[in-house]
PDB file of N, CA and C in Angstrom:
ATOM      1  N   MET A   1       7.352  -2.025  11.745  1.00  0.00           N
ATOM      2  CA  MET A   1       6.380  -1.596  12.742  1.00  0.00           C
ATOM      3  C   MET A   1       4.976  -1.898  12.228  1.00  0.00           C
ATOM      4  N   PRO A   2       4.089  -2.335  13.110  1.00  0.00           N
ATOM      5  CA  PRO A   2       2.709  -2.598  12.698  1.00  0.00           C
ATOM      6  C   PRO A   2       1.973  -1.317  12.282  1.00  0.00           C
ATOM      7  N   PHE A   3       1.043  -1.476  11.354  1.00  0.00           N
ATOM      8  CA  PHE A   3       0.200  -0.374  10.886  1.00  0.00           C
ATOM      9  C   PHE A   3      -1.143  -0.400  11.606  1.00  0.00           C
ATOM     10  N   PHE A   4      -1.746   0.776  11.742  1.00  0.00           N
ATOM     11  CA  PHE A   4      -3.032   0.915  12.418  1.00  0.00           C
ATOM     12  C   PHE A   4      -3.905   1.907  11.662  1.00  0.00           C
ATOM     13  N   MET A   5      -5.213   1.654  11.697  1.00  0.00           N
ATOM     14  CA  MET A   5      -6.184   2.621  11.195  1.00  0.00           C
ATOM     15  C   MET A   5      -6.981   3.109  12.408  1.00  0.00           C
ATOM     16  N   HIS A   6      -6.993   4.404  12.601  1.00  0.00           N
ATOM     17  CA  HIS A   6      -7.711   5.016  13.716  1.00  0.00           C
ATOM     18  C   HIS A   6      -8.909   5.774  13.160  1.00  0.00           C
ATOM     19  N   GLN A   7     -10.044   5.604  13.787  1.00  0.00           N
ATOM     20  CA  GLN A   7     -11.254   6.324  13.400  1.00  0.00           C
ATOM     21  C   GLN A   7     -11.797   6.998  14.654  1.00  0.00           C
ATOM     22  N   ALA A   8     -12.200   8.257  14.527  1.00  0.00           N
ATOM     23  CA  ALA A   8     -12.708   8.988  15.685  1.00  0.00           C
ATOM     24  C   ALA A   8     -13.789   9.962  15.267  1.00  0.00           C
ATOM     25  N   SER A   9     -14.688  10.195  16.199  1.00  0.00           N
ATOM     26  CA  SER A   9     -15.745  11.190  16.014  1.00  0.00           C
ATOM     27  C   SER A   9     -15.573  12.269  17.076  1.00  0.00           C
ATOM     28  N   TYR A  10     -15.533  13.507  16.627  1.00  0.00           N
ATOM     29  CA  TYR A  10     -15.425  14.625  17.557  1.00  0.00           C
ATOM     30  C   TYR A  10     -16.717  14.802  18.339  1.00  0.00           C
ATOM     31  N   LYS A  11     -16.595  15.320  19.543  1.00  0.00           N
ATOM     32  CA  LYS A  11     -17.774  15.735  20.306  1.00  0.00           C
ATOM     33  C   LYS A  11     -18.327  16.996  19.650  1.00  0.00           C
ATOM     34  N   ASP A  12     -19.607  17.283  19.871  1.00  0.00           N
ATOM     35  CA  ASP A  12     -20.257  18.443  19.252  1.00  0.00           C
ATOM     36  C   ASP A  12     -19.505  19.746  19.520  1.00  0.00           C
ATOM     37  N   GLU A  13     -19.009  19.924  20.754  1.00  0.00           N
ATOM     38  CA  GLU A  13     -18.308  21.170  21.077  1.00  0.00           C
ATOM     39  C   GLU A  13     -16.993  21.300  20.310  1.00  0.00           C
ATOM     40  N   GLN A  14     -16.367  20.162  19.971  1.00  0.00           N
ATOM     41  CA  GLN A  14     -15.138  20.213  19.177  1.00  0.00           C
ATOM     42  C   GLN A  14     -15.448  20.587  17.727  1.00  0.00           C
ATOM     43  N   ILE A  15     -16.556  20.074  17.196  1.00  0.00           N
ATOM     44  CA  ILE A  15     -16.978  20.452  15.841  1.00  0.00           C
ATOM     45  C   ILE A  15     -17.262  21.947  15.798  1.00  0.00           C
ATOM     46  N   LYS A  16     -17.961  22.450  16.818  1.00  0.00           N
ATOM     47  CA  LYS A  16     -18.259  23.887  16.880  1.00  0.00           C
ATOM     48  C   LYS A  16     -16.961  24.693  16.914  1.00  0.00           C
ATOM     49  N   ALA A  17     -15.987  24.246  17.708  1.00  0.00           N
ATOM     50  CA  ALA A  17     -14.703  24.950  17.789  1.00  0.00           C
ATOM     51  C   ALA A  17     -13.989  24.959  16.440  1.00  0.00           C
ATOM     52  N   LEU A  18     -14.060  23.846  15.698  1.00  0.00           N
ATOM     53  CA  LEU A  18     -13.411  23.781  14.382  1.00  0.00           C
ATOM     54  C   LEU A  18     -14.114  24.672  13.361  1.00  0.00           C
ATOM     55  N   VAL A  19     -15.434  24.807  13.480  1.00  0.00           N
ATOM     56  CA  VAL A  19     -16.173  25.689  12.573  1.00  0.00           C
ATOM     57  C   VAL A  19     -15.898  27.151  12.933  1.00  0.00           C
ATOM     58  N   ASP A  20     -15.875  27.451  14.229  1.00  0.00           N
ATOM     59  CA  ASP A  20     -15.621  28.824  14.674  1.00  0.00           C
ATOM     60  C   ASP A  20     -14.196  29.273  14.368  1.00  0.00           C
ATOM     61  N   ARG A  21     -13.229  28.336  14.480  1.00  0.00           N
ATOM     62  CA  ARG A  21     -11.818  28.626  14.205  1.00  0.00           C
ATOM     63  C   ARG A  21     -11.239  27.494  13.372  1.00  0.00           C
ATOM     64  N   PRO A  22     -11.464  27.510  12.051  1.00  0.00           N
ATOM     65  CA  PRO A  22     -10.954  26.432  11.205  1.00  0.00           C
ATOM     66  C   PRO A  22      -9.449  26.227  11.404  1.00  0.00           C
ATOM     67  N   GLN A  23      -9.069  24.970  11.491  1.00  0.00           N
ATOM     68  CA  GLN A  23      -7.656  24.653  11.729  1.00  0.00           C
ATOM     69  C   GLN A  23      -7.343  23.247  11.244  1.00  0.00           C
ATOM     70  N   ASN A  24      -6.107  23.050  10.864  1.00  0.00           N
ATOM     71  CA  ASN A  24      -5.625  21.742  10.444  1.00  0.00           C
ATOM     72  C   ASN A  24      -5.038  21.053  11.670  1.00  0.00           C
ATOM     73  N   ARG A  25      -5.619  19.955  12.090  1.00  0.00           N
ATOM     74  CA  ARG A  25      -5.210  19.251  13.306  1.00  0.00           C
ATOM     75  C   ARG A  25      -4.132  18.189  13.056  1.00  0.00           C
ATOM     76  N   GLU A  26      -3.698  18.037  11.807  1.00  0.00           N
ATOM     77  CA  GLU A  26      -2.743  16.982  11.484  1.00  0.00           C
ATOM     78  C   GLU A  26      -1.420  17.141  12.233  1.00  0.00           C
ATOM     79  N   ALA A  27      -0.896  18.349  12.320  1.00  0.00           N
ATOM     80  CA  ALA A  27       0.380  18.561  13.008  1.00  0.00           C
ATOM     81  C   ALA A  27       0.274  18.186  14.486  1.00  0.00           C
ATOM     82  N   MET A  28      -0.853  18.503  15.104  1.00  0.00           N
ATOM     83  CA  MET A  28      -1.056  18.159  16.510  1.00  0.00           C
ATOM     84  C   MET A  28      -1.114  16.639  16.687  1.00  0.00           C
ATOM     85  N   ALA A  29      -1.815  15.950  15.796  1.00  0.00           N
ATOM     86  CA  ALA A  29      -1.889  14.486  15.858  1.00  0.00           C
ATOM     87  C   ALA A  29      -0.503  13.876  15.625  1.00  0.00           C
ATOM     88  N   ARG A  30       0.227  14.416  14.654  1.00  0.00           N
ATOM     89  CA  ARG A  30       1.568  13.906  14.347  1.00  0.00           C
ATOM     90  C   ARG A  30       2.468  14.020  15.577  1.00  0.00           C
ATOM     91  N   GLN A  31       2.428  15.163  16.233  1.00  0.00           N
ATOM     92  CA  GLN A  31       3.243  15.381  17.434  1.00  0.00           C
ATOM     93  C   GLN A  31       2.873  14.373  18.525  1.00  0.00           C
ATOM     94  N   ALA A  32       1.584  14.146  18.712  1.00  0.00           N
ATOM     95  CA  ALA A  32       1.127  13.193  19.734  1.00  0.00           C
ATOM     96  C   ALA A  32       1.612  11.784  19.415  1.00  0.00           C
ATOM     97  N   PHE A  33       1.480  11.351  18.168  1.00  0.00           N
ATOM     98  CA  PHE A  33       1.897  10.006  17.788  1.00  0.00           C
ATOM     99  C   PHE A  33       3.411   9.848  17.909  1.00  0.00           C
ATOM    100  N   GLU A  34       4.159  10.846  17.458  1.00  0.00           N
ATOM    101  CA  GLU A  34       5.615  10.781  17.512  1.00  0.00           C
ATOM    102  C   GLU A  34       6.141  10.759  18.948  1.00  0.00           C
ATOM    103  N   SER A  35       5.410  11.376  19.874  1.00  0.00           N
ATOM    104  CA  SER A  35       5.851  11.373  21.269  1.00  0.00           C
ATOM    105  C   SER A  35       5.838   9.961  21.853  1.00  0.00           C
ATOM    106  N   PHE A  36       5.090   9.051  21.219  1.00  0.00           N
ATOM    107  CA  PHE A  36       5.054   7.651  21.626  1.00  0.00           C
ATOM    108  C   PHE A  36       5.914   6.771  20.719  1.00  0.00           C
ATOM    109  N   GLY A  37       6.707   7.366  19.847  1.00  0.00           N
ATOM    110  CA  GLY A  37       7.555   6.592  18.947  1.00  0.00           C
ATOM    111  C   GLY A  37       6.824   6.094  17.717  1.00  0.00           C
ATOM    112  N   GLY A  38       5.650   6.656  17.447  1.00  0.00           N
ATOM    113  CA  GLY A  38       4.873   6.258  16.280  1.00  0.00           C
ATOM    114  C   GLY A  38       5.135   7.158  15.087  1.00  0.00           C
ATOM    115  N   LYS A  39       4.539   6.790  13.986  1.00  0.00           N
ATOM    116  CA  LYS A  39       4.645   7.583  12.762  1.00  0.00           C
ATOM    117  C   LYS A  39       3.252   7.742  12.175  1.00  0.00           C
ATOM    118  N   LEU A  40       2.837   8.972  11.995  1.00  0.00           N
ATOM    119  CA  LEU A  40       1.542   9.265  11.383  1.00  0.00           C
ATOM    120  C   LEU A  40       1.744   9.385   9.883  1.00  0.00           C
ATOM    121  N   HIS A  41       1.077   8.529   9.120  1.00  0.00           N
ATOM    122  CA  HIS A  41       1.214   8.559   7.667  1.00  0.00           C
ATOM    123  C   HIS A  41       0.239   9.531   7.023  1.00  0.00           C
ATOM    124  N   GLN A  42      -0.999   9.511   7.472  1.00  0.00           N
ATOM    125  CA  GLN A  42      -2.010  10.345   6.813  1.00  0.00           C
ATOM    126  C   GLN A  42      -3.195  10.541   7.743  1.00  0.00           C
ATOM    127  N   VAL A  43      -3.802  11.720   7.650  1.00  0.00           N
ATOM    128  CA  VAL A  43      -5.050  12.017   8.351  1.00  0.00           C
ATOM    129  C   VAL A  43      -6.072  12.429   7.308  1.00  0.00           C
ATOM    130  N   PHE A  44      -7.261  11.890   7.417  1.00  0.00           N
ATOM    131  CA  PHE A  44      -8.355  12.226   6.518  1.00  0.00           C
ATOM    132  C   PHE A  44      -9.551  12.674   7.341  1.00  0.00           C
ATOM    133  N   PHE A  45     -10.263  13.678   6.869  1.00  0.00           N
ATOM    134  CA  PHE A  45     -11.588  13.965   7.408  1.00  0.00           C
ATOM    135  C   PHE A  45     -12.566  13.155   6.579  1.00  0.00           C
ATOM    136  N   ALA A  46     -13.651  12.702   7.202  1.00  0.00           N
ATOM    137  CA  ALA A  46     -14.533  11.764   6.530  1.00  0.00           C
ATOM    138  C   ALA A  46     -15.996  12.105   6.780  1.00  0.00           C
ATOM    139  N   PHE A  47     -16.832  11.700   5.842  1.00  0.00           N
ATOM    140  CA  PHE A  47     -18.282  11.742   6.023  1.00  0.00           C
ATOM    141  C   PHE A  47     -18.693  10.428   6.682  1.00  0.00           C
ATOM    142  N   GLY A  48     -19.780  10.450   7.408  1.00  0.00           N
ATOM    143  CA  GLY A  48     -20.309   9.198   7.944  1.00  0.00           C
ATOM    144  C   GLY A  48     -20.138   9.081   9.439  1.00  0.00           C
ATOM    145  N   GLU A  49     -19.971   7.850   9.886  1.00  0.00           N
ATOM    146  CA  GLU A  49     -19.941   7.541  11.316  1.00  0.00           C
ATOM    147  C   GLU A  49     -18.761   8.197  12.029  1.00  0.00           C
ATOM    148  N   TYR A  50     -17.632   8.310  11.343  1.00  0.00           N
ATOM    149  CA  TYR A  50     -16.431   8.898  11.941  1.00  0.00           C
ATOM    150  C   TYR A  50     -16.045  10.175  11.210  1.00  0.00           C
ATOM    151  N   ASP A  51     -15.546  11.151  11.982  1.00  0.00           N
ATOM    152  CA  ASP A  51     -15.125  12.431  11.416  1.00  0.00           C
ATOM    153  C   ASP A  51     -13.692  12.400  10.909  1.00  0.00           C
ATOM    154  N   VAL A  52     -12.863  11.571  11.533  1.00  0.00           N
ATOM    155  CA  VAL A  52     -11.436  11.529  11.235  1.00  0.00           C
ATOM    156  C   VAL A  52     -10.990  10.084  11.071  1.00  0.00           C
ATOM    157  N   VAL A  53     -10.141   9.844  10.063  1.00  0.00           N
ATOM    158  CA  VAL A  53      -9.501   8.547   9.859  1.00  0.00           C
ATOM    159  C   VAL A  53      -8.005   8.818   9.711  1.00  0.00           C
ATOM    160  N   ALA A  54      -7.197   8.057  10.431  1.00  0.00           N
ATOM    161  CA  ALA A  54      -5.749   8.235  10.347  1.00  0.00           C
ATOM    162  C   ALA A  54      -5.089   6.871  10.163  1.00  0.00           C
ATOM    163  N   ILE A  55      -3.978   6.872   9.435  1.00  0.00           N
ATOM    164  CA  ILE A  55      -3.162   5.683   9.250  1.00  0.00           C
ATOM    165  C   ILE A  55      -1.820   5.942   9.922  1.00  0.00           C
ATOM    166  N   SER A  56      -1.400   4.996  10.766  1.00  0.00           N
ATOM    167  CA  SER A  56      -0.156   5.199  11.510  1.00  0.00           C
ATOM    168  C   SER A  56       0.626   3.903  11.623  1.00  0.00           C
ATOM    169  N   GLU A  57       1.841   4.036  12.144  1.00  0.00           N
ATOM    170  CA  GLU A  57       2.678   2.896  12.524  1.00  0.00           C
ATOM    171  C   GLU A  57       3.138   3.131  13.953  1.00  0.00           C
ATOM    172  N   PHE A  58       3.178   2.062  14.733  1.00  0.00           N
ATOM    173  CA  PHE A  58       3.729   2.122  16.082  1.00  0.00           C
ATOM    174  C   PHE A  58       4.602   0.897  16.289  1.00  0.00           C
ATOM    175  N   PRO A  59       5.524   0.972  17.241  1.00  0.00           N
ATOM    176  CA  PRO A  59       6.413  -0.179  17.471  1.00  0.00           C
ATOM    177  C   PRO A  59       5.665  -1.462  17.838  1.00  0.00           C
ATOM    178  N   ASP A  60       4.528  -1.329  18.524  1.00  0.00           N
ATOM    179  CA  ASP A  60       3.784  -2.509  18.952  1.00  0.00           C
ATOM    180  C   ASP A  60       2.367  -2.084  19.355  1.00  0.00           C
ATOM    181  N   ASN A  61       1.525  -3.077  19.641  1.00  0.00           N
ATOM    182  CA  ASN A  61       0.131  -2.808  19.999  1.00  0.00           C
ATOM    183  C   ASN A  61       0.012  -2.003  21.290  1.00  0.00           C
ATOM    184  N   GLU A  62       0.833  -2.312  22.286  1.00  0.00           N
ATOM    185  CA  GLU A  62       0.759  -1.596  23.562  1.00  0.00           C
ATOM    186  C   GLU A  62       1.053  -0.114  23.388  1.00  0.00           C
ATOM    187  N   THR A  63       2.043   0.198  22.583  1.00  0.00           N
ATOM    188  CA  THR A  63       2.400   1.594  22.360  1.00  0.00           C
ATOM    189  C   THR A  63       1.300   2.314  21.599  1.00  0.00           C
ATOM    190  N   ALA A  64       0.734   1.664  20.600  1.00  0.00           N
ATOM    191  CA  ALA A  64      -0.378   2.258  19.859  1.00  0.00           C
ATOM    192  C   ALA A  64      -1.550   2.517  20.795  1.00  0.00           C
ATOM    193  N   SER A  65      -1.849   1.550  21.635  1.00  0.00           N
ATOM    194  CA  SER A  65      -2.951   1.706  22.584  1.00  0.00           C
ATOM    195  C   SER A  65      -2.697   2.862  23.538  1.00  0.00           C
ATOM    196  N   ALA A  66      -1.488   2.966  24.048  1.00  0.00           N
ATOM    197  CA  ALA A  66      -1.146   4.061  24.965  1.00  0.00           C
ATOM    198  C   ALA A  66      -1.321   5.417  24.293  1.00  0.00           C
ATOM    199  N   ALA A  67      -0.877   5.528  23.048  1.00  0.00           N
ATOM    200  CA  ALA A  67      -1.015   6.803  22.323  1.00  0.00           C
ATOM    201  C   ALA A  67      -2.477   7.170  22.143  1.00  0.00           C
ATOM    202  N   ILE A  68      -3.282   6.208  21.728  1.00  0.00           N
ATOM    203  CA  ILE A  68      -4.701   6.475  21.502  1.00  0.00           C
ATOM    204  C   ILE A  68      -5.412   6.766  22.816  1.00  0.00           C
ATOM    205  N   LEU A  69      -5.095   6.012  23.860  1.00  0.00           N
ATOM    206  CA  LEU A  69      -5.708   6.281  25.167  1.00  0.00           C
ATOM    207  C   LEU A  69      -5.395   7.700  25.636  1.00  0.00           C
ATOM    208  N   SER A  70      -4.170   8.163  25.376  1.00  0.00           N
ATOM    209  CA  SER A  70      -3.811   9.524  25.792  1.00  0.00           C
ATOM    210  C   SER A  70      -4.636  10.570  25.049  1.00  0.00           C
ATOM    211  N   LEU A  71      -4.951  10.307  23.776  1.00  0.00           N
ATOM    212  CA  LEU A  71      -5.786  11.239  23.016  1.00  0.00           C
ATOM    213  C   LEU A  71      -7.243  11.184  23.484  1.00  0.00           C
ATOM    214  N   ILE A  72      -7.744   9.985  23.725  1.00  0.00           N
ATOM    215  CA  ILE A  72      -9.121   9.835  24.193  1.00  0.00           C
ATOM    216  C   ILE A  72      -9.293  10.505  25.557  1.00  0.00           C
ATOM    217  N   ALA A  73      -8.281  10.399  26.397  1.00  0.00           N
ATOM    218  CA  ALA A  73      -8.347  10.971  27.747  1.00  0.00           C
ATOM    219  C   ALA A  73      -8.486  12.490  27.751  1.00  0.00           C
ATOM    220  N   THR A  74      -8.206  13.136  26.626  1.00  0.00           N
ATOM    221  CA  THR A  74      -8.366  14.598  26.561  1.00  0.00           C
ATOM    222  C   THR A  74      -9.834  15.005  26.506  1.00  0.00           C
ATOM    223  N   GLY A  75     -10.721  14.054  26.214  1.00  0.00           N
ATOM    224  CA  GLY A  75     -12.147  14.363  26.126  1.00  0.00           C
ATOM    225  C   GLY A  75     -12.560  14.958  24.793  1.00  0.00           C
ATOM    226  N   THR A  76     -11.699  14.904  23.799  1.00  0.00           N
ATOM    227  CA  THR A  76     -11.971  15.479  22.481  1.00  0.00           C
ATOM    228  C   THR A  76     -12.997  14.682  21.693  1.00  0.00           C
ATOM    229  N   PHE A  77     -12.984  13.367  21.863  1.00  0.00           N
ATOM    230  CA  PHE A  77     -13.746  12.498  20.972  1.00  0.00           C
ATOM    231  C   PHE A  77     -14.962  11.872  21.658  1.00  0.00           C
ATOM    232  N   ALA A  78     -16.046  11.770  20.896  1.00  0.00           N
ATOM    233  CA  ALA A  78     -17.246  11.083  21.372  1.00  0.00           C
ATOM    234  C   ALA A  78     -17.040   9.575  21.295  1.00  0.00           C
ATOM    235  N   LYS A  79     -16.303   9.118  20.287  1.00  0.00           N
ATOM    236  CA  LYS A  79     -15.978   7.704  20.156  1.00  0.00           C
ATOM    237  C   LYS A  79     -14.728   7.559  19.305  1.00  0.00           C
ATOM    238  N   ALA A  80     -14.045   6.439  19.504  1.00  0.00           N
ATOM    239  CA  ALA A  80     -12.829   6.160  18.747  1.00  0.00           C
ATOM    240  C   ALA A  80     -12.702   4.657  18.560  1.00  0.00           C
ATOM    241  N   HIS A  81     -12.063   4.282  17.467  1.00  0.00           N
ATOM    242  CA  HIS A  81     -11.900   2.872  17.125  1.00  0.00           C
ATOM    243  C   HIS A  81     -10.549   2.715  16.430  1.00  0.00           C
ATOM    244  N   THR A  82      -9.794   1.705  16.824  1.00  0.00           N
ATOM    245  CA  THR A  82      -8.513   1.424  16.173  1.00  0.00           C
ATOM    246  C   THR A  82      -8.533   0.012  15.622  1.00  0.00           C
ATOM    247  N   THR A  83      -8.068  -0.137  14.398  1.00  0.00           N
ATOM    248  CA  THR A  83      -7.974  -1.429  13.734  1.00  0.00           C
ATOM    249  C   THR A  83      -6.510  -1.711  13.426  1.00  0.00           C
ATOM    250  N   VAL A  84      -6.037  -2.888  13.821  1.00  0.00           N
ATOM    251  CA  VAL A  84      -4.685  -3.307  13.467  1.00  0.00           C
ATOM    252  C   VAL A  84      -4.712  -3.747  12.008  1.00  0.00           C
ATOM    253  N   LEU A  85      -3.771  -3.255  11.228  1.00  0.00           N
ATOM    254  CA  LEU A  85      -3.701  -3.575   9.798  1.00  0.00           C
ATOM    255  C   LEU A  85      -2.528  -4.516   9.531  1.00  0.00           C
ATOM    256  N   MET A  86      -2.685  -5.359   8.526  1.00  0.00           N
ATOM    257  CA  MET A  86      -1.605  -6.246   8.098  1.00  0.00           C
ATOM    258  C   MET A  86      -1.268  -5.943   6.644  1.00  0.00           C
ATOM    259  N   THR A  87       0.002  -6.043   6.324  1.00  0.00           N
ATOM    260  CA  THR A  87       0.403  -5.914   4.929  1.00  0.00           C
ATOM    261  C   THR A  87      -0.055  -7.159   4.174  1.00  0.00           C
ATOM    262  N   ALA A  88      -0.034  -7.099   2.864  1.00  0.00           N
ATOM    263  CA  ALA A  88      -0.408  -8.265   2.056  1.00  0.00           C
ATOM    264  C   ALA A  88       0.528  -9.434   2.346  1.00  0.00           C
ATOM    265  N   ALA A  89       1.815  -9.158   2.549  1.00  0.00           N
ATOM    266  CA  ALA A  89       2.780 -10.224   2.846  1.00  0.00           C
ATOM    267  C   ALA A  89       2.470 -10.864   4.201  1.00  0.00           C
ATOM    268  N   GLU A  90       2.119 -10.055   5.196  1.00  0.00           N
ATOM    269  CA  GLU A  90       1.754 -10.607   6.505  1.00  0.00           C
ATOM    270  C   GLU A  90       0.494 -11.469   6.399  1.00  0.00           C
ATOM    271  N   ALA A  91      -0.470 -10.988   5.633  1.00  0.00           N
ATOM    272  CA  ALA A  91      -1.704 -11.749   5.444  1.00  0.00           C
ATOM    273  C   ALA A  91      -1.409 -13.085   4.762  1.00  0.00           C
ATOM    274  N   GLU A  92      -0.531 -13.087   3.766  1.00  0.00           N
ATOM    275  CA  GLU A  92      -0.190 -14.333   3.077  1.00  0.00           C
ATOM    276  C   GLU A  92       0.493 -15.312   4.030  1.00  0.00           C
ATOM    277  N   ARG A  93       1.402 -14.818   4.872  1.00  0.00           N
ATOM    278  CA  ARG A  93       2.053 -15.700   5.849  1.00  0.00           C
ATOM    279  C   ARG A  93       1.017 -16.281   6.814  1.00  0.00           C
ATOM    280  N   SER A  94       0.054 -15.467   7.199  1.00  0.00           N
ATOM    281  CA  SER A  94      -1.019 -15.930   8.074  1.00  0.00           C
ATOM    282  C   SER A  94      -1.845 -17.025   7.400  1.00  0.00           C
ATOM    283  N   MET A  95      -2.148 -16.820   6.119  1.00  0.00           N
ATOM    284  CA  MET A  95      -2.906 -17.824   5.368  1.00  0.00           C
ATOM    285  C   MET A  95      -2.130 -19.133   5.279  1.00  0.00           C
ATOM    286  N   ARG A  96      -0.821 -19.038   5.032  1.00  0.00           N
ATOM    287  CA  ARG A  96       0.014 -20.240   4.940  1.00  0.00           C
ATOM    288  C   ARG A  96       0.042 -20.975   6.282  1.00  0.00           C
ATOM    289  N   LYS A  97       0.157 -20.216   7.368  1.00  0.00           N
ATOM    290  CA  LYS A  97       0.170 -20.826   8.691  1.00  0.00           C
ATOM    291  C   LYS A  97      -1.162 -21.513   8.976  1.00  0.00           C
ATOM    292  N   ALA A  98      -2.263 -20.858   8.600  1.00  0.00           N
ATOM    293  CA  ALA A  98      -3.586 -21.461   8.790  1.00  0.00           C
ATOM    294  C   ALA A  98      -3.725 -22.743   7.964  1.00  0.00           C
ATOM    295  N   ASN A  99      -3.116 -22.744   6.780  1.00  0.00           N
ATOM    296  CA  ASN A  99      -3.191 -23.899   5.892  1.00  0.00           C
ATOM    297  C   ASN A  99      -2.407 -25.092   6.422  1.00  0.00           C
ATOM    298  N   THR A 100      -1.294 -24.831   7.109  1.00  0.00           N
ATOM    299  CA  THR A 100      -0.417 -25.923   7.530  1.00  0.00           C
ATOM    300  C   THR A 100      -0.593 -26.315   8.998  1.00  0.00           C
ATOM    301  N   THR A 101      -1.341 -25.565   9.757  1.00  0.00           N
ATOM    302  CA  THR A 101      -1.541 -25.874  11.173  1.00  0.00           C
ATOM    303  C   THR A 101      -2.937 -26.439  11.379  1.00  0.00           C
ATOM    304  N   ARG A 102      -3.020 -27.571  12.010  1.00  0.00           N
ATOM    305  CA  ARG A 102      -4.308 -28.198  12.285  1.00  0.00           C
ATOM    306  C   ARG A 102      -4.564 -28.104  13.790  1.00  0.00           C
ATOM    307  N   SER A 103      -5.503 -27.261  14.173  1.00  0.00           N
ATOM    308  CA  SER A 103      -5.755 -27.018  15.592  1.00  0.00           C
ATOM    309  C   SER A 103      -6.639 -28.080  16.231  1.00  0.00           C
ATOM    310  N   GLY A 104      -7.394 -28.829  15.435  1.00  0.00           N
ATOM    311  CA  GLY A 104      -8.310 -29.804  15.980  1.00  0.00           C
ATOM    312  C   GLY A 104      -9.646 -29.213  16.401  1.00  0.00           C
ATOM    313  N   TYR A 105      -9.819 -27.913  16.160  1.00  0.00           N
ATOM    314  CA  TYR A 105     -11.084 -27.256  16.532  1.00  0.00           C
ATOM    315  C   TYR A 105     -12.226 -27.842  15.729  1.00  0.00           C
ATOM    316  N   ARG A 106     -13.348 -28.082  16.414  1.00  0.00           N
ATOM    317  CA  ARG A 106     -14.562 -28.546  15.739  1.00  0.00           C
ATOM    318  C   ARG A 106     -15.711 -27.626  16.122  1.00  0.00           C
ATOM    319  N   PRO A 107     -16.580 -27.311  15.181  1.00  0.00           N
ATOM    320  CA  PRO A 107     -17.707 -26.439  15.505  1.00  0.00           C
ATOM    321  C   PRO A 107     -18.673 -27.144  16.467  1.00  0.00           C
ATOM    322  N   PRO A 108     -19.398 -26.358  17.246  1.00  0.00           N
ATOM    323  CA  PRO A 108     -20.389 -26.967  18.131  1.00  0.00           C
ATOM    324  C   PRO A 108     -21.425 -27.742  17.323  1.00  0.00           C
ATOM    325  N   SER A 109     -21.906 -28.799  17.902  1.00  0.00           N
ATOM    326  CA  SER A 109     -22.950 -29.569  17.231  1.00  0.00           C
ATOM    327  C   SER A 109     -24.069 -29.871  18.226  1.00  0.00           C
ATOM    328  N   GLY A 110     -25.262 -30.083  17.713  1.00  0.00           N
ATOM    329  CA  GLY A 110     -26.413 -30.277  18.585  1.00  0.00           C
ATOM    330  C   GLY A 110     -26.908 -31.620  18.560  1.00  0.00           C
TER     331      GLY A 110
END
């Protein structure tokens, strides 16, 4: 199954709710991901642009997108971003394919 990195920022009212009633949201995220056939590997809280970073696996890109869209639709997050991840072996196969395939692409010239 493909791996994904999810990054999200809570809305201000969600941060206030977490401060007023501290809680671990990992079980809720795990349940949401599993309902789509995914697997949540880890959830991290983070400093910076995003409040939460999660690593997951889903059967395919469409399923991952559906799971994330369902979470975004709850109105919990101010912004969210998902990155498709490749294993080192997948990256090496990609490099080999790039090395042996000649597309004929040429950069624009003036």
